[in-house]
PDB file of N, CA and C in Angstrom:
ATOM      1  N   UNK A   1      -4.869  -9.456   6.471  1.00  0.00           N
ATOM      2  CA  UNK A   1      -4.113  -9.562   5.267  1.00  0.00           C
ATOM      3  C   UNK A   1      -4.134 -10.917   5.097  1.00  0.00           C
ATOM      4  N   UNK A   2      -4.285 -10.761   2.983  1.00  0.00           N
ATOM      5  CA  UNK A   2      -4.521 -12.409   2.359  1.00  0.00           C
ATOM      6  C   UNK A   2      -3.277 -12.800   2.328  1.00  0.00           C
ATOM      7  N   UNK A   3      -2.849 -14.231   2.666  1.00  0.00           N
ATOM      8  CA  UNK A   3      -2.184 -15.050   1.477  1.00  0.00           C
ATOM      9  C   UNK A   3      -2.315 -15.457   0.067  1.00  0.00           C
ATOM     10  N   UNK A   4      -1.089 -15.011  -0.569  1.00  0.00           N
ATOM     11  CA  UNK A   4      -1.002 -15.330  -2.278  1.00  0.00           C
ATOM     12  C   UNK A   4      -1.964 -16.963  -2.172  1.00  0.00           C
ATOM     13  N   UNK A   5      -2.864 -18.159  -1.416  1.00  0.00           N
ATOM     14  CA  UNK A   5      -2.719 -19.012  -1.711  1.00  0.00           C
ATOM     15  C   UNK A   5      -4.632 -18.058  -1.553  1.00  0.00           C
ATOM     16  N   UNK A   6      -4.530 -17.394  -0.894  1.00  0.00           N
ATOM     17  CA  UNK A   6      -6.271 -16.823  -0.698  1.00  0.00           C
ATOM     18  C   UNK A   6      -6.808 -16.178  -1.644  1.00  0.00           C
ATOM     19  N   UNK A   7      -5.849 -15.185  -2.612  1.00  0.00           N
ATOM     20  CA  UNK A   7      -6.031 -14.622  -3.289  1.00  0.00           C
ATOM     21  C   UNK A   7      -6.161 -15.162  -4.920  1.00  0.00           C
ATOM     22  N   UNK A   8      -5.438 -16.428  -5.058  1.00  0.00           N
ATOM     23  CA  UNK A   8      -4.895 -17.021  -5.931  1.00  0.00           C
ATOM     24  C   UNK A   8      -6.894 -17.524  -6.316  1.00  0.00           C
ATOM     25  N   UNK A   9      -6.968 -18.012  -4.829  1.00  0.00           N
ATOM     26  CA  UNK A   9      -8.284 -19.159  -5.087  1.00  0.00           C
ATOM     27  C   UNK A   9      -9.549 -18.292  -5.766  1.00  0.00           C
ATOM     28  N   UNK A  10      -9.396 -17.473  -5.108  1.00  0.00           N
ATOM     29  CA  UNK A  10     -10.684 -16.735  -5.583  1.00  0.00           C
ATOM     30  C   UNK A  10     -10.666 -15.773  -6.358  1.00  0.00           C
ATOM     31  N   UNK A  11      -9.237 -15.919  -7.563  1.00  0.00           N
ATOM     32  CA  UNK A  11      -9.018 -14.866  -8.501  1.00  0.00           C
ATOM     33  C   UNK A  11      -9.927 -15.802  -9.712  1.00  0.00           C
ATOM     34  N   UNK A  12     -10.943 -14.962 -10.586  1.00  0.00           N
ATOM     35  CA  UNK A  12     -11.778 -15.173 -11.433  1.00  0.00           C
ATOM     36  C   UNK A  12     -10.544 -14.589 -12.622  1.00  0.00           C
ATOM     37  N   UNK A  13      -9.668 -14.765 -13.689  1.00  0.00           N
ATOM     38  CA  UNK A  13      -9.795 -13.978 -14.676  1.00  0.00           C
ATOM     39  C   UNK A  13     -10.138 -13.564 -15.886  1.00  0.00           C
ATOM     40  N   UNK A  14     -11.928 -13.870 -15.517  1.00  0.00           N
ATOM     41  CA  UNK A  14     -12.891 -13.527 -16.223  1.00  0.00           C
ATOM     42  C   UNK A  14     -13.149 -12.256 -15.609  1.00  0.00           C
ATOM     43  N   UNK A  15     -13.294 -11.945 -14.563  1.00  0.00           N
ATOM     44  CA  UNK A  15     -13.632 -10.509 -14.004  1.00  0.00           C
ATOM     45  C   UNK A  15     -13.011  -9.632 -13.581  1.00  0.00           C
ATOM     46  N   UNK A  16     -11.933 -10.401 -12.548  1.00  0.00           N
ATOM     47  CA  UNK A  16     -10.710  -9.179 -11.712  1.00  0.00           C
ATOM     48  C   UNK A  16      -9.760  -8.894 -12.950  1.00  0.00           C
ATOM     49  N   UNK A  17      -9.955  -7.824 -13.060  1.00  0.00           N
ATOM     50  CA  UNK A  17      -9.117  -7.069 -14.085  1.00  0.00           C
ATOM     51  C   UNK A  17      -7.770  -7.071 -13.600  1.00  0.00           C
ATOM     52  N   UNK A  18      -7.808  -6.559 -12.361  1.00  0.00           N
ATOM     53  CA  UNK A  18      -6.675  -5.624 -12.033  1.00  0.00           C
ATOM     54  C   UNK A  18      -5.451  -6.547 -10.907  1.00  0.00           C
ATOM     55  N   UNK A  19      -6.419  -7.383 -11.052  1.00  0.00           N
ATOM     56  CA  UNK A  19      -5.785  -7.923  -9.541  1.00  0.00           C
ATOM     57  C   UNK A  19      -5.029  -9.460 -10.000  1.00  0.00           C
ATOM     58  N   UNK A  20      -3.890  -9.519  -9.938  1.00  0.00           N
ATOM     59  CA  UNK A  20      -3.035 -11.107 -10.594  1.00  0.00           C
ATOM     60  C   UNK A  20      -1.870 -11.636  -9.287  1.00  0.00           C
ATOM     61  N   UNK A  21      -1.727 -10.650  -9.295  1.00  0.00           N
ATOM     62  CA  UNK A  21      -0.573 -10.805  -8.570  1.00  0.00           C
ATOM     63  C   UNK A  21      -0.370  -9.845  -7.068  1.00  0.00           C
ATOM     64  N   UNK A  22      -0.054 -10.490  -5.947  1.00  0.00           N
ATOM     65  CA  UNK A  22      -0.457 -10.142  -4.706  1.00  0.00           C
ATOM     66  C   UNK A  22       0.062  -8.967  -4.537  1.00  0.00           C
ATOM     67  N   UNK A  23       0.640  -7.755  -5.210  1.00  0.00           N
ATOM     68  CA  UNK A  23       1.247  -6.579  -4.931  1.00  0.00           C
ATOM     69  C   UNK A  23       0.364  -5.914  -5.368  1.00  0.00           C
ATOM     70  N   UNK A  24      -0.945  -6.371  -6.593  1.00  0.00           N
ATOM     71  CA  UNK A  24      -1.803  -5.555  -6.885  1.00  0.00           C
ATOM     72  C   UNK A  24      -3.035  -5.583  -6.029  1.00  0.00           C
ATOM     73  N   UNK A  25      -3.081  -6.426  -5.207  1.00  0.00           N
ATOM     74  CA  UNK A  25      -4.008  -6.645  -4.308  1.00  0.00           C
ATOM     75  C   UNK A  25      -4.064  -5.865  -3.082  1.00  0.00           C
ATOM     76  N   UNK A  26      -2.770  -5.688  -3.124  1.00  0.00           N
ATOM     77  CA  UNK A  26      -2.497  -4.647  -1.726  1.00  0.00           C
ATOM     78  C   UNK A  26      -2.769  -3.273  -2.179  1.00  0.00           C
ATOM     79  N   UNK A  27      -2.347  -3.046  -3.619  1.00  0.00           N
ATOM     80  CA  UNK A  27      -2.289  -1.588  -3.998  1.00  0.00           C
ATOM     81  C   UNK A  27      -4.199  -1.483  -3.606  1.00  0.00           C
ATOM     82  N   UNK A  28      -4.853  -1.653  -4.536  1.00  0.00           N
ATOM     83  CA  UNK A  28      -6.227  -1.979  -4.388  1.00  0.00           C
ATOM     84  C   UNK A  28      -6.468  -2.333  -2.676  1.00  0.00           C
ATOM     85  N   UNK A  29      -6.255  -1.858  -1.817  1.00  0.00           N
ATOM     86  CA  UNK A  29      -6.634  -2.346  -0.803  1.00  0.00           C
ATOM     87  C   UNK A  29      -6.077  -0.888   0.092  1.00  0.00           C
ATOM     88  N   UNK A  30      -5.061  -0.961  -0.299  1.00  0.00           N
ATOM     89  CA  UNK A  30      -4.833   0.561  -0.221  1.00  0.00           C
ATOM     90  C   UNK A  30      -5.934   1.319  -0.695  1.00  0.00           C
ATOM     91  N   UNK A  31      -6.066   1.778  -1.960  1.00  0.00           N
ATOM     92  CA  UNK A  31      -6.851   2.230  -2.357  1.00  0.00           C
ATOM     93  C   UNK A  31      -7.932   2.834  -1.892  1.00  0.00           C
ATOM     94  N   UNK A  32      -8.679   1.625  -1.374  1.00  0.00           N
ATOM     95  CA  UNK A  32      -9.452   1.404  -0.347  1.00  0.00           C
ATOM     96  C   UNK A  32      -9.406   1.987   0.729  1.00  0.00           C
ATOM     97  N   UNK A  33      -8.652   2.131   1.488  1.00  0.00           N
ATOM     98  CA  UNK A  33      -8.401   2.183   2.865  1.00  0.00           C
ATOM     99  C   UNK A  33      -8.646   3.720   2.704  1.00  0.00           C
ATOM    100  N   UNK A  34      -8.169   3.815   2.086  1.00  0.00           N
ATOM    101  CA  UNK A  34      -7.064   5.449   1.781  1.00  0.00           C
ATOM    102  C   UNK A  34      -9.065   6.382   0.672  1.00  0.00           C
ATOM    103  N   UNK A  35      -9.531   5.941   0.354  1.00  0.00           N
ATOM    104  CA  UNK A  35     -10.457   6.512  -0.843  1.00  0.00           C
ATOM    105  C   UNK A  35     -10.264   7.187  -1.634  1.00  0.00           C
ATOM    106  N   UNK A  36      -9.654   6.780  -2.319  1.00  0.00           N
ATOM    107  CA  UNK A  36      -8.684   6.934  -3.175  1.00  0.00           C
ATOM    108  C   UNK A  36      -8.210   6.439  -4.568  1.00  0.00           C
ATOM    109  N   UNK A  37      -9.948   5.596  -5.322  1.00  0.00           N
ATOM    110  CA  UNK A  37     -10.071   5.070  -6.528  1.00  0.00           C
ATOM    111  C   UNK A  37      -9.470   5.149  -7.909  1.00  0.00           C
ATOM    112  N   UNK A  38      -9.652   6.613  -7.370  1.00  0.00           N
ATOM    113  CA  UNK A  38      -8.669   7.269  -8.971  1.00  0.00           C
ATOM    114  C   UNK A  38      -7.681   7.041  -9.320  1.00  0.00           C
ATOM    115  N   UNK A  39      -6.373   6.950  -8.364  1.00  0.00           N
ATOM    116  CA  UNK A  39      -5.101   6.718  -8.300  1.00  0.00           C
ATOM    117  C   UNK A  39      -4.925   4.640  -7.241  1.00  0.00           C
ATOM    118  N   UNK A  40      -5.495   3.933  -8.245  1.00  0.00           N
ATOM    119  CA  UNK A  40      -5.178   3.026  -7.790  1.00  0.00           C
ATOM    120  C   UNK A  40      -3.926   2.035  -8.263  1.00  0.00           C
ATOM    121  N   UNK A  41      -3.534   2.837  -9.695  1.00  0.00           N
ATOM    122  CA  UNK A  41      -2.181   2.573 -10.341  1.00  0.00           C
ATOM    123  C   UNK A  41      -0.982   2.815  -9.529  1.00  0.00           C
ATOM    124  N   UNK A  42      -1.370   4.488  -9.167  1.00  0.00           N
ATOM    125  CA  UNK A  42      -0.223   5.101  -7.654  1.00  0.00           C
ATOM    126  C   UNK A  42       0.007   3.653  -6.922  1.00  0.00           C
ATOM    127  N   UNK A  43      -0.670   3.418  -6.333  1.00  0.00           N
ATOM    128  CA  UNK A  43      -1.146   2.407  -5.111  1.00  0.00           C
ATOM    129  C   UNK A  43      -0.392   0.717  -5.620  1.00  0.00           C
ATOM    130  N   UNK A  44      -0.579   0.587  -6.912  1.00  0.00           N
ATOM    131  CA  UNK A  44      -0.159  -0.978  -6.909  1.00  0.00           C
ATOM    132  C   UNK A  44       1.187  -0.424  -7.235  1.00  0.00           C
ATOM    133  N   UNK A  45       1.763   0.684  -7.826  1.00  0.00           N
ATOM    134  CA  UNK A  45       3.262   0.931  -8.123  1.00  0.00           C
ATOM    135  C   UNK A  45       3.857   0.837  -6.819  1.00  0.00           C
ATOM    136  N   UNK A  46       3.183   1.829  -5.785  1.00  0.00           N
ATOM    137  CA  UNK A  46       4.327   1.539  -4.327  1.00  0.00           C
ATOM    138  C   UNK A  46       4.537   0.363  -3.760  1.00  0.00           C
ATOM    139  N   UNK A  47       3.021  -0.472  -4.009  1.00  0.00           N
ATOM    140  CA  UNK A  47       3.056  -1.850  -3.280  1.00  0.00           C
ATOM    141  C   UNK A  47       4.454  -2.632  -4.089  1.00  0.00           C
ATOM    142  N   UNK A  48       4.285  -2.706  -5.646  1.00  0.00           N
ATOM    143  CA  UNK A  48       5.413  -3.625  -5.509  1.00  0.00           C
ATOM    144  C   UNK A  48       7.119  -2.905  -5.780  1.00  0.00           C
ATOM    145  N   UNK A  49       6.816  -1.743  -5.133  1.00  0.00           N
ATOM    146  CA  UNK A  49       8.512  -0.935  -5.475  1.00  0.00           C
ATOM    147  C   UNK A  49       8.844  -0.376  -3.270  1.00  0.00           C
ATOM    148  N   UNK A  50       8.025  -0.474  -3.285  1.00  0.00           N
ATOM    149  CA  UNK A  50       8.158   0.018  -1.403  1.00  0.00           C
ATOM    150  C   UNK A  50       7.930  -0.864  -0.433  1.00  0.00           C
ATOM    151  N   UNK A  51       8.842  -1.063   0.372  1.00  0.00           N
ATOM    152  CA  UNK A  51       9.264  -2.630   0.920  1.00  0.00           C
ATOM    153  C   UNK A  51       7.618  -2.297   1.575  1.00  0.00           C
ATOM    154  N   UNK A  52       6.581  -3.379   2.340  1.00  0.00           N
ATOM    155  CA  UNK A  52       5.666  -3.770   2.670  1.00  0.00           C
ATOM    156  C   UNK A  52       5.553  -3.042   4.310  1.00  0.00           C
ATOM    157  N   UNK A  53       6.460  -3.100   4.925  1.00  0.00           N
ATOM    158  CA  UNK A  53       6.379  -2.989   6.272  1.00  0.00           C
ATOM    159  C   UNK A  53       6.024  -1.500   6.233  1.00  0.00           C
ATOM    160  N   UNK A  54       7.178  -0.449   5.408  1.00  0.00           N
ATOM    161  CA  UNK A  54       7.027   0.679   5.444  1.00  0.00           C
ATOM    162  C   UNK A  54       5.197   1.186   4.857  1.00  0.00           C
ATOM    163  N   UNK A  55       4.826   0.727   3.983  1.00  0.00           N
ATOM    164  CA  UNK A  55       3.299   0.965   3.558  1.00  0.00           C
ATOM    165  C   UNK A  55       2.363   0.703   5.109  1.00  0.00           C
ATOM    166  N   UNK A  56       2.322  -0.529   5.119  1.00  0.00           N
ATOM    167  CA  UNK A  56       1.633  -0.899   6.710  1.00  0.00           C
ATOM    168  C   UNK A  56       1.962   0.228   7.580  1.00  0.00           C
ATOM    169  N   UNK A  57       3.399   0.684   7.877  1.00  0.00           N
ATOM    170  CA  UNK A  57       2.978   1.588   8.966  1.00  0.00           C
ATOM    171  C   UNK A  57       2.894   2.881   8.675  1.00  0.00           C
ATOM    172  N   UNK A  58       2.692   3.624   7.175  1.00  0.00           N
ATOM    173  CA  UNK A  58       2.185   4.545   7.027  1.00  0.00           C
ATOM    174  C   UNK A  58       0.575   4.216   7.177  1.00  0.00           C
ATOM    175  N   UNK A  59       0.139   3.103   6.976  1.00  0.00           N
ATOM    176  CA  UNK A  59      -1.801   3.284   6.472  1.00  0.00           C
ATOM    177  C   UNK A  59      -1.814   3.154   7.740  1.00  0.00           C
ATOM    178  N   UNK A  60      -1.377   2.270   9.060  1.00  0.00           N
ATOM    179  CA  UNK A  60      -2.070   2.376  10.390  1.00  0.00           C
ATOM    180  C   UNK A  60      -1.505   4.234  11.259  1.00  0.00           C
ATOM    181  N   UNK A  61      -0.629   4.586  10.433  1.00  0.00           N
ATOM    182  CA  UNK A  61      -0.819   5.693  10.988  1.00  0.00           C
ATOM    183  C   UNK A  61      -1.594   6.426  10.144  1.00  0.00           C
ATOM    184  N   UNK A  62      -1.906   6.900   9.317  1.00  0.00           N
ATOM    185  CA  UNK A  62      -3.451   7.240   8.583  1.00  0.00           C
ATOM    186  C   UNK A  62      -4.781   7.141   9.015  1.00  0.00           C
ATOM    187  N   UNK A  63      -4.473   5.833   9.699  1.00  0.00           N
ATOM    188  CA  UNK A  63      -5.883   4.919   9.793  1.00  0.00           C
ATOM    189  C   UNK A  63      -6.654   5.516  11.348  1.00  0.00           C
ATOM    190  N   UNK A  64      -5.309   5.786  12.086  1.00  0.00           N
ATOM    191  CA  UNK A  64      -5.482   6.349  13.405  1.00  0.00           C
ATOM    192  C   UNK A  64      -5.596   7.540  13.961  1.00  0.00           C
ATOM    193  N   UNK A  65      -5.324   8.566  12.740  1.00  0.00           N
ATOM    194  CA  UNK A  65      -5.738   9.473  12.806  1.00  0.00           C
ATOM    195  C   UNK A  65      -6.908  10.272  12.247  1.00  0.00           C
ATOM    196  N   UNK A  66      -7.232  11.044  12.716  1.00  0.00           N
ATOM    197  CA  UNK A  66      -8.837  11.531  12.132  1.00  0.00           C
ATOM    198  C   UNK A  66      -8.025  13.520  10.859  1.00  0.00           C
ATOM    199  N   UNK A  67      -7.632  12.957  10.318  1.00  0.00           N
ATOM    200  CA  UNK A  67      -6.753  13.854   9.114  1.00  0.00           C
ATOM    201  C   UNK A  67      -8.128  13.971   7.787  1.00  0.00           C
ATOM    202  N   UNK A  68      -8.481  14.507   7.718  1.00  0.00           N
ATOM    203  CA  UNK A  68      -9.477  15.145   6.328  1.00  0.00           C
ATOM    204  C   UNK A  68      -8.891  14.379   5.465  1.00  0.00           C
ATOM    205  N   UNK A  69      -7.288  14.950   4.831  1.00  0.00           N
ATOM    206  CA  UNK A  69      -7.259  14.014   3.691  1.00  0.00           C
ATOM    207  C   UNK A  69      -5.982  13.034   4.129  1.00  0.00           C
ATOM    208  N   UNK A  70      -6.723  12.550   3.822  1.00  0.00           N
ATOM    209  CA  UNK A  70      -5.519  10.938   4.317  1.00  0.00           C
ATOM    210  C   UNK A  70      -4.411  10.735   2.925  1.00  0.00           C
ATOM    211  N   UNK A  71      -4.989  11.311   2.113  1.00  0.00           N
ATOM    212  CA  UNK A  71      -3.488  10.581   0.811  1.00  0.00           C
ATOM    213  C   UNK A  71      -2.491  11.160   1.043  1.00  0.00           C
ATOM    214  N   UNK A  72      -2.638  12.074   1.502  1.00  0.00           N
ATOM    215  CA  UNK A  72      -1.547  13.980   1.390  1.00  0.00           C
ATOM    216  C   UNK A  72      -0.436  12.892   2.808  1.00  0.00           C
ATOM    217  N   UNK A  73      -1.446  12.918   4.027  1.00  0.00           N
ATOM    218  CA  UNK A  73      -0.415  12.280   4.680  1.00  0.00           C
ATOM    219  C   UNK A  73      -0.116  10.986   5.009  1.00  0.00           C
ATOM    220  N   UNK A  74      -0.664  10.038   4.346  1.00  0.00           N
ATOM    221  CA  UNK A  74      -0.181   8.715   3.917  1.00  0.00           C
ATOM    222  C   UNK A  74       1.015   8.833   3.060  1.00  0.00           C
ATOM    223  N   UNK A  75       1.417   9.617   2.406  1.00  0.00           N
ATOM    224  CA  UNK A  75       2.348   9.899   0.927  1.00  0.00           C
ATOM    225  C   UNK A  75       3.666  10.895   2.028  1.00  0.00           C
ATOM    226  N   UNK A  76       3.120  11.561   3.124  1.00  0.00           N
ATOM    227  CA  UNK A  76       4.096  11.684   3.765  1.00  0.00           C
ATOM    228  C   UNK A  76       4.724  11.362   4.856  1.00  0.00           C
ATOM    229  N   UNK A  77       4.212   9.895   5.976  1.00  0.00           N
ATOM    230  CA  UNK A  77       4.570   9.532   6.349  1.00  0.00           C
ATOM    231  C   UNK A  77       5.194   8.369   5.824  1.00  0.00           C
ATOM    232  N   UNK A  78       4.864   7.685   4.635  1.00  0.00           N
ATOM    233  CA  UNK A  78       5.622   6.774   3.550  1.00  0.00           C
ATOM    234  C   UNK A  78       6.983   7.666   3.019  1.00  0.00           C
ATOM    235  N   UNK A  79       6.749   8.719   2.909  1.00  0.00           N
ATOM    236  CA  UNK A  79       8.532   9.358   2.907  1.00  0.00           C
ATOM    237  C   UNK A  79       9.266   9.679   3.804  1.00  0.00           C
ATOM    238  N   UNK A  80       8.701   9.665   5.379  1.00  0.00           N
ATOM    239  CA  UNK A  80       9.625  10.206   6.370  1.00  0.00           C
ATOM    240  C   UNK A  80       9.689   8.896   7.013  1.00  0.00           C
ATOM    241  N   UNK A  81       9.330   7.863   6.763  1.00  0.00           N
ATOM    242  CA  UNK A  81       9.405   6.066   7.200  1.00  0.00           C
ATOM    243  C   UNK A  81      10.879   5.873   6.544  1.00  0.00           C
ATOM    244  N   UNK A  82      10.317   6.166   4.493  1.00  0.00           N
ATOM    245  CA  UNK A  82      11.745   5.786   4.042  1.00  0.00           C
ATOM    246  C   UNK A  82      12.720   6.823   4.297  1.00  0.00           C
ATOM    247  N   UNK A  83      13.365   7.680   4.682  1.00  0.00           N
ATOM    248  CA  UNK A  83      13.957   8.119   5.287  1.00  0.00           C
ATOM    249  C   UNK A  83      14.684   8.056   5.959  1.00  0.00           C
ATOM    250  N   UNK A  84      14.081   7.394   7.600  1.00  0.00           N
ATOM    251  CA  UNK A  84      14.780   7.036   8.741  1.00  0.00           C
ATOM    252  C   UNK A  84      15.244   5.645   8.133  1.00  0.00           C
ATOM    253  N   UNK A  85      14.358   4.784   7.540  1.00  0.00           N
ATOM    254  CA  UNK A  85      15.135   3.834   6.803  1.00  0.00           C
ATOM    255  C   UNK A  85      16.447   3.885   5.978  1.00  0.00           C
ATOM    256  N   UNK A  86      16.312   4.687   5.921  1.00  0.00           N
ATOM    257  CA  UNK A  86      18.014   5.154   4.690  1.00  0.00           C
ATOM    258  C   UNK A  86      19.278   5.579   6.091  1.00  0.00           C
ATOM    259  N   UNK A  87      18.975   6.099   6.767  1.00  0.00           N
ATOM    260  CA  UNK A  87      19.656   6.981   7.369  1.00  0.00           C
ATOM    261  C   UNK A  87      20.244   5.465   8.325  1.00  0.00           C
ATOM    262  N   UNK A  88      18.861   4.756   9.251  1.00  0.00           N
ATOM    263  CA  UNK A  88      19.994   3.499   9.438  1.00  0.00           C
ATOM    264  C   UNK A  88      20.205   2.874   8.888  1.00  0.00           C
ATOM    265  N   UNK A  89      20.199   2.201   7.568  1.00  0.00           N
ATOM    266  CA  UNK A  89      21.080   1.232   6.823  1.00  0.00           C
ATOM    267  C   UNK A  89      22.622   2.021   6.972  1.00  0.00           C
ATOM    268  N   UNK A  90      22.082   3.724   6.632  1.00  0.00           N
ATOM    269  CA  UNK A  90      23.856   3.890   6.208  1.00  0.00           C
ATOM    270  C   UNK A  90      24.747   4.470   7.239  1.00  0.00           C
ATOM    271  N   UNK A  91      24.289   4.018   8.744  1.00  0.00           N
ATOM    272  CA  UNK A  91      24.958   4.802   9.721  1.00  0.00           C
ATOM    273  C   UNK A  91      25.553   2.974  10.337  1.00  0.00           C
ATOM    274  N   UNK A  92      24.605   2.062   9.806  1.00  0.00           N
ATOM    275  CA  UNK A  92      25.037   0.711  10.031  1.00  0.00           C
ATOM    276  C   UNK A  92      26.105   0.344   9.631  1.00  0.00           C
TER     277      UNK A  92
END
């Protein structure tokens, strides 16, 4: 994981079209890890709206597995983690 300072130091506005914020960088990172470049806008949106710990846990779960469809597994695990978070908050 890179810091915001490192991202901004390497940012070139003439070449880097997509990355101007940290969440965009993480969204692109997710699309690279899941080999799903076609839906990088989805991952950027998820990086902006979903808590980072949930995304990191789901990505870790996918990278540890040997699933053929990593994207489906990632989205399923993310949904499961979000529902667990809501249950914990409602009982507290």
